[in-house]
């Protein structure tokens, strides 16, 4: 529970108790019972003087391990032999403003994109692409597509269930023989 919420809860409890006590002229114990809290909760004052040892331990661990967040610092404190409750240590950790922000994603530096070279003649540059799809019955097949980059003409399309390296080589030899 953060200090903001507990302060607000204590304030509203105090206001409710004060109203019940003044408007109806009842005792403190009775007013607390009416609003639904025990009188020991109403009278409780947190003792922040006991936190000095925890603060010193946290500051020492932060000094030694500045890049660590709460969970790692708490493990370090446990390793050093301190048996403090993690909620107490976290409350003090937040009160000391040691909360570490999560590191953002490392951005790559901006690169100047180089435009693709455009072929100047037919058959100057080809593209070879494998594609895969499946039939309605679930059987898969592959296609080998060879395209001329200048004219965008499909020079060959080979379709089969599997395409071996020898088959790809035969198709390329066939296209080269056809064009020459």
C-alpha atoms as a PDB file:
ATOM      1  CA  UNK A   1       0.000   0.000   0.000  1.00  0.00           C
ATOM      2  CA  UNK A   2       1.539   3.317  -0.978  1.00  0.00           C
ATOM      3  CA  UNK A   3       1.800   6.205   1.441  1.00  0.00           C
ATOM      4  CA  UNK A   4      -0.677   8.279  -0.585  1.00  0.00           C
ATOM      5  CA  UNK A   5      -3.473   5.742  -0.156  1.00  0.00           C
ATOM      6  CA  UNK A   6      -2.750   5.108   3.511  1.00  0.00           C
ATOM      7  CA  UNK A   7      -2.711   8.857   4.185  1.00  0.00           C
ATOM      8  CA  UNK A   8      -6.044   9.266   2.441  1.00  0.00           C
ATOM      9  CA  UNK A   9      -7.531   6.319   4.334  1.00  0.00           C
ATOM     10  CA  UNK A  10      -6.272   7.684   7.658  1.00  0.00           C
ATOM     11  CA  UNK A  11      -7.667  11.138   6.853  1.00  0.00           C
ATOM     12  CA  UNK A  12     -11.129   9.846   5.936  1.00  0.00           C
ATOM     13  CA  UNK A  13     -11.126   7.582   8.999  1.00  0.00           C
ATOM     14  CA  UNK A  14     -10.166  10.520  11.196  1.00  0.00           C
ATOM     15  CA  UNK A  15     -12.854  12.751   9.642  1.00  0.00           C
ATOM     16  CA  UNK A  16     -15.501  10.064  10.080  1.00  0.00           C
ATOM     17  CA  UNK A  17     -14.491   9.412  13.669  1.00  0.00           C
ATOM     18  CA  UNK A  18     -14.405  13.144  14.479  1.00  0.00           C
ATOM     19  CA  UNK A  19     -17.869  13.632  12.982  1.00  0.00           C
ATOM     20  CA  UNK A  20     -19.312  10.653  14.841  1.00  0.00           C
ATOM     21  CA  UNK A  21     -17.723  11.781  18.109  1.00  0.00           C
ATOM     22  CA  UNK A  22     -18.775  15.439  17.864  1.00  0.00           C
ATOM     23  CA  UNK A  23     -22.247  15.043  16.349  1.00  0.00           C
ATOM     24  CA  UNK A  24     -23.374  12.257  18.656  1.00  0.00           C
ATOM     25  CA  UNK A  25     -21.200  12.960  21.721  1.00  0.00           C
ATOM     26  CA  UNK A  26     -19.829   9.434  21.944  1.00  0.00           C
ATOM     27  CA  UNK A  27     -16.477   8.091  23.093  1.00  0.00           C
ATOM     28  CA  UNK A  28     -13.515   7.467  20.818  1.00  0.00           C
ATOM     29  CA  UNK A  29     -13.867   3.703  21.161  1.00  0.00           C
ATOM     30  CA  UNK A  30     -17.573   3.793  20.298  1.00  0.00           C
ATOM     31  CA  UNK A  31     -16.996   6.150  17.317  1.00  0.00           C
ATOM     32  CA  UNK A  32     -14.337   3.822  15.911  1.00  0.00           C
ATOM     33  CA  UNK A  33     -16.662   0.841  16.305  1.00  0.00           C
ATOM     34  CA  UNK A  34     -19.456   2.735  14.477  1.00  0.00           C
ATOM     35  CA  UNK A  35     -17.286   3.501  11.443  1.00  0.00           C
ATOM     36  CA  UNK A  36     -15.923  -0.070  11.424  1.00  0.00           C
ATOM     37  CA  UNK A  37     -12.327   0.130  12.615  1.00  0.00           C
ATOM     38  CA  UNK A  38     -10.609  -0.835  15.809  1.00  0.00           C
ATOM     39  CA  UNK A  39      -9.410   1.970  18.034  1.00  0.00           C
ATOM     40  CA  UNK A  40      -5.849   0.607  17.924  1.00  0.00           C
ATOM     41  CA  UNK A  41      -5.830   1.178  14.151  1.00  0.00           C
ATOM     42  CA  UNK A  42      -6.989   4.741  14.742  1.00  0.00           C
ATOM     43  CA  UNK A  43      -4.313   5.404  17.341  1.00  0.00           C
ATOM     44  CA  UNK A  44      -1.482   3.745  15.391  1.00  0.00           C
ATOM     45  CA  UNK A  45       1.448   6.045  14.550  1.00  0.00           C
ATOM     46  CA  UNK A  46       4.097   4.532  12.254  1.00  0.00           C
ATOM     47  CA  UNK A  47       7.598   4.538  13.716  1.00  0.00           C
ATOM     48  CA  UNK A  48       9.831   5.734  10.888  1.00  0.00           C
ATOM     49  CA  UNK A  49      12.904   6.017  13.115  1.00  0.00           C
ATOM     50  CA  UNK A  50      13.453   2.226  12.789  1.00  0.00           C
ATOM     51  CA  UNK A  51      14.011   2.622   9.044  1.00  0.00           C
ATOM     52  CA  UNK A  52      17.494   4.124   9.418  1.00  0.00           C
ATOM     53  CA  UNK A  53      19.210   0.739   9.280  1.00  0.00           C
ATOM     54  CA  UNK A  54      17.231  -0.285   6.206  1.00  0.00           C
ATOM     55  CA  UNK A  55      18.009   3.037   4.511  1.00  0.00           C
ATOM     56  CA  UNK A  56      21.714   2.606   5.233  1.00  0.00           C
ATOM     57  CA  UNK A  57      21.684  -0.955   3.872  1.00  0.00           C
ATOM     58  CA  UNK A  58      19.807   0.101   0.740  1.00  0.00           C
ATOM     59  CA  UNK A  59      22.125   3.045   0.100  1.00  0.00           C
ATOM     60  CA  UNK A  60      25.177   0.839   0.543  1.00  0.00           C
ATOM     61  CA  UNK A  61      23.823  -1.756  -1.898  1.00  0.00           C
ATOM     62  CA  UNK A  62      22.852   0.943  -4.426  1.00  0.00           C
ATOM     63  CA  UNK A  63      26.325   2.434  -4.151  1.00  0.00           C
ATOM     64  CA  UNK A  64      27.901  -0.947  -4.838  1.00  0.00           C
ATOM     65  CA  UNK A  65      25.401  -2.041  -7.545  1.00  0.00           C
ATOM     66  CA  UNK A  66      24.016   1.137  -9.188  1.00  0.00           C
ATOM     67  CA  UNK A  67      22.431  -0.624 -12.187  1.00  0.00           C
ATOM     68  CA  UNK A  68      20.344  -3.056 -10.117  1.00  0.00           C
ATOM     69  CA  UNK A  69      16.611  -2.635  -9.569  1.00  0.00           C
ATOM     70  CA  UNK A  70      14.584  -3.469  -6.476  1.00  0.00           C
ATOM     71  CA  UNK A  71      14.430  -7.242  -6.836  1.00  0.00           C
ATOM     72  CA  UNK A  72      18.178  -7.672  -7.313  1.00  0.00           C
ATOM     73  CA  UNK A  73      18.972  -5.209  -4.514  1.00  0.00           C
ATOM     74  CA  UNK A  74      16.627  -7.098  -2.192  1.00  0.00           C
ATOM     75  CA  UNK A  75      18.416 -10.352  -3.032  1.00  0.00           C
ATOM     76  CA  UNK A  76      21.754  -8.648  -2.322  1.00  0.00           C
ATOM     77  CA  UNK A  77      20.453  -7.468   1.072  1.00  0.00           C
ATOM     78  CA  UNK A  78      19.300 -11.008   1.859  1.00  0.00           C
ATOM     79  CA  UNK A  79      22.717 -12.344   0.837  1.00  0.00           C
ATOM     80  CA  UNK A  80      24.324  -9.857   3.220  1.00  0.00           C
ATOM     81  CA  UNK A  81      22.263 -11.339   6.062  1.00  0.00           C
ATOM     82  CA  UNK A  82      19.480  -8.791   6.504  1.00  0.00           C
ATOM     83  CA  UNK A  83      16.090 -10.396   7.128  1.00  0.00           C
ATOM     84  CA  UNK A  84      13.827  -7.448   6.426  1.00  0.00           C
ATOM     85  CA  UNK A  85      10.391  -7.909   4.915  1.00  0.00           C
ATOM     86  CA  UNK A  86      10.315  -7.186   1.175  1.00  0.00           C
ATOM     87  CA  UNK A  87       7.295  -4.884   1.584  1.00  0.00           C
ATOM     88  CA  UNK A  88       9.166  -2.756   4.100  1.00  0.00           C
ATOM     89  CA  UNK A  89      12.274  -2.603   1.920  1.00  0.00           C
ATOM     90  CA  UNK A  90      10.160  -1.732  -1.148  1.00  0.00           C
ATOM     91  CA  UNK A  91       8.364   1.071   0.730  1.00  0.00           C
ATOM     92  CA  UNK A  92      11.700   2.596   1.716  1.00  0.00           C
ATOM     93  CA  UNK A  93      13.140   1.957  -1.760  1.00  0.00           C
ATOM     94  CA  UNK A  94      10.285   3.971  -3.281  1.00  0.00           C
ATOM     95  CA  UNK A  95      10.513   6.688  -0.635  1.00  0.00           C
ATOM     96  CA  UNK A  96      14.207   7.152  -1.497  1.00  0.00           C
ATOM     97  CA  UNK A  97      13.234   7.583  -5.191  1.00  0.00           C
ATOM     98  CA  UNK A  98      15.394   4.671  -6.260  1.00  0.00           C
ATOM     99  CA  UNK A  99      12.748   3.356  -8.654  1.00  0.00           C
ATOM    100  CA  UNK A 100      14.465   2.387 -11.868  1.00  0.00           C
ATOM    101  CA  UNK A 101      12.674   2.999 -15.140  1.00  0.00           C
ATOM    102  CA  UNK A 102      12.682   0.130 -17.581  1.00  0.00           C
ATOM    103  CA  UNK A 103      15.167   0.567 -20.337  1.00  0.00           C
ATOM    104  CA  UNK A 104      13.639   1.341 -23.697  1.00  0.00           C
ATOM    105  CA  UNK A 105      14.358  -0.546 -26.829  1.00  0.00           C
ATOM    106  CA  UNK A 106      17.734   0.213 -28.337  1.00  0.00           C
ATOM    107  CA  UNK A 107      17.128   1.999 -31.588  1.00  0.00           C
ATOM    108  CA  UNK A 108      19.272   1.342 -34.612  1.00  0.00           C
ATOM    109  CA  UNK A 109      20.888   4.428 -36.107  1.00  0.00           C
ATOM    110  CA  UNK A 110      19.216   5.884 -39.173  1.00  0.00           C
ATOM    111  CA  UNK A 111      20.658   4.443 -42.316  1.00  0.00           C
ATOM    112  CA  UNK A 112      20.508   6.038 -45.706  1.00  0.00           C
ATOM    113  CA  UNK A 113      18.683   3.513 -47.880  1.00  0.00           C
ATOM    114  CA  UNK A 114      20.394   2.641 -51.138  1.00  0.00           C
ATOM    115  CA  UNK A 115      17.994   2.288 -54.034  1.00  0.00           C
ATOM    116  CA  UNK A 116      18.016  -1.014 -55.876  1.00  0.00           C
ATOM    117  CA  UNK A 117      19.916  -1.103 -59.129  1.00  0.00           C
ATOM    118  CA  UNK A 118      17.635  -1.214 -62.148  1.00  0.00           C
ATOM    119  CA  UNK A 119      18.778  -3.543 -64.944  1.00  0.00           C
ATOM    120  CA  UNK A 120      19.331  -1.765 -68.242  1.00  0.00           C
ATOM    121  CA  UNK A 121      18.664  -4.639 -70.665  1.00  0.00           C
ATOM    122  CA  UNK A 122      16.565  -7.739 -70.960  1.00  0.00           C
ATOM    123  CA  UNK A 123      18.237 -10.791 -69.358  1.00  0.00           C
ATOM    124  CA  UNK A 124      20.615  -8.486 -67.465  1.00  0.00           C
ATOM    125  CA  UNK A 125      19.394  -9.754 -64.098  1.00  0.00           C
ATOM    126  CA  UNK A 126      17.070 -12.575 -63.048  1.00  0.00           C
ATOM    127  CA  UNK A 127      15.300 -13.318 -59.801  1.00  0.00           C
ATOM    128  CA  UNK A 128      14.742 -16.835 -58.533  1.00  0.00           C
ATOM    129  CA  UNK A 129      12.075 -17.506 -55.908  1.00  0.00           C
ATOM    130  CA  UNK A 130      10.659 -20.569 -54.163  1.00  0.00           C
ATOM    131  CA  UNK A 131       7.053 -20.498 -52.997  1.00  0.00           C
ATOM    132  CA  UNK A 132       4.997 -23.025 -51.066  1.00  0.00           C
ATOM    133  CA  UNK A 133       1.243 -23.565 -50.819  1.00  0.00           C
ATOM    134  CA  UNK A 134      -1.210 -26.332 -50.016  1.00  0.00           C
ATOM    135  CA  UNK A 135      -4.188 -27.856 -51.793  1.00  0.00           C
ATOM    136  CA  UNK A 136      -7.678 -28.093 -50.313  1.00  0.00           C
ATOM    137  CA  UNK A 137      -6.981 -31.680 -49.269  1.00  0.00           C
ATOM    138  CA  UNK A 138      -3.938 -30.483 -47.280  1.00  0.00           C
ATOM    139  CA  UNK A 139      -1.207 -31.703 -49.618  1.00  0.00           C
ATOM    140  CA  UNK A 140       1.633 -29.194 -49.973  1.00  0.00           C
ATOM    141  CA  UNK A 141       3.391 -28.234 -53.199  1.00  0.00           C
ATOM    142  CA  UNK A 142       6.285 -25.956 -54.117  1.00  0.00           C
ATOM    143  CA  UNK A 143       6.898 -23.652 -57.056  1.00  0.00           C
ATOM    144  CA  UNK A 144      10.139 -22.362 -58.501  1.00  0.00           C
ATOM    145  CA  UNK A 145       9.728 -19.013 -60.260  1.00  0.00           C
ATOM    146  CA  UNK A 146      12.396 -17.412 -62.450  1.00  0.00           C
ATOM    147  CA  UNK A 147      11.642 -13.812 -63.472  1.00  0.00           C
ATOM    148  CA  UNK A 148      13.536 -11.312 -65.635  1.00  0.00           C
ATOM    149  CA  UNK A 149      13.909  -8.122 -63.583  1.00  0.00           C
ATOM    150  CA  UNK A 150      13.934  -5.742 -66.569  1.00  0.00           C
ATOM    151  CA  UNK A 151      10.855  -6.979 -68.437  1.00  0.00           C
ATOM    152  CA  UNK A 152       9.130  -8.603 -65.414  1.00  0.00           C
ATOM    153  CA  UNK A 153       8.542 -11.641 -67.605  1.00  0.00           C
ATOM    154  CA  UNK A 154       8.255 -15.086 -65.985  1.00  0.00           C
ATOM    155  CA  UNK A 155      10.957 -17.140 -67.699  1.00  0.00           C
ATOM    156  CA  UNK A 156      10.041 -20.396 -65.960  1.00  0.00           C
ATOM    157  CA  UNK A 157       7.594 -21.694 -63.372  1.00  0.00           C
ATOM    158  CA  UNK A 158       8.258 -25.216 -62.088  1.00  0.00           C
ATOM    159  CA  UNK A 159       5.629 -26.839 -59.845  1.00  0.00           C
ATOM    160  CA  UNK A 160       6.027 -30.086 -57.902  1.00  0.00           C
ATOM    161  CA  UNK A 161       5.682 -31.656 -54.455  1.00  0.00           C
ATOM    162  CA  UNK A 162       9.447 -31.426 -53.941  1.00  0.00           C
ATOM    163  CA  UNK A 163      12.126 -29.682 -55.957  1.00  0.00           C
ATOM    164  CA  UNK A 164      15.604 -31.160 -55.691  1.00  0.00           C
ATOM    165  CA  UNK A 165      18.839 -29.287 -56.435  1.00  0.00           C
ATOM    166  CA  UNK A 166      19.326 -31.299 -59.648  1.00  0.00           C
ATOM    167  CA  UNK A 167      15.834 -30.315 -60.778  1.00  0.00           C
ATOM    168  CA  UNK A 168      16.515 -26.600 -60.129  1.00  0.00           C
ATOM    169  CA  UNK A 169      19.771 -26.907 -62.058  1.00  0.00           C
ATOM    170  CA  UNK A 170      17.958 -28.545 -65.014  1.00  0.00           C
ATOM    171  CA  UNK A 171      15.355 -25.745 -65.080  1.00  0.00           C
ATOM    172  CA  UNK A 172      18.066 -23.062 -65.057  1.00  0.00           C
ATOM    173  CA  UNK A 173      19.970 -24.845 -67.834  1.00  0.00           C
ATOM    174  CA  UNK A 174      16.757 -25.084 -69.867  1.00  0.00           C
ATOM    175  CA  UNK A 175      16.052 -21.327 -69.484  1.00  0.00           C
ATOM    176  CA  UNK A 176      19.608 -20.399 -70.421  1.00  0.00           C
ATOM    177  CA  UNK A 177      19.502 -22.709 -73.499  1.00  0.00           C
ATOM    178  CA  UNK A 178      16.132 -21.282 -74.562  1.00  0.00           C
ATOM    179  CA  UNK A 179      17.321 -17.660 -74.338  1.00  0.00           C
ATOM    180  CA  UNK A 180      20.657 -18.180 -76.131  1.00  0.00           C
END
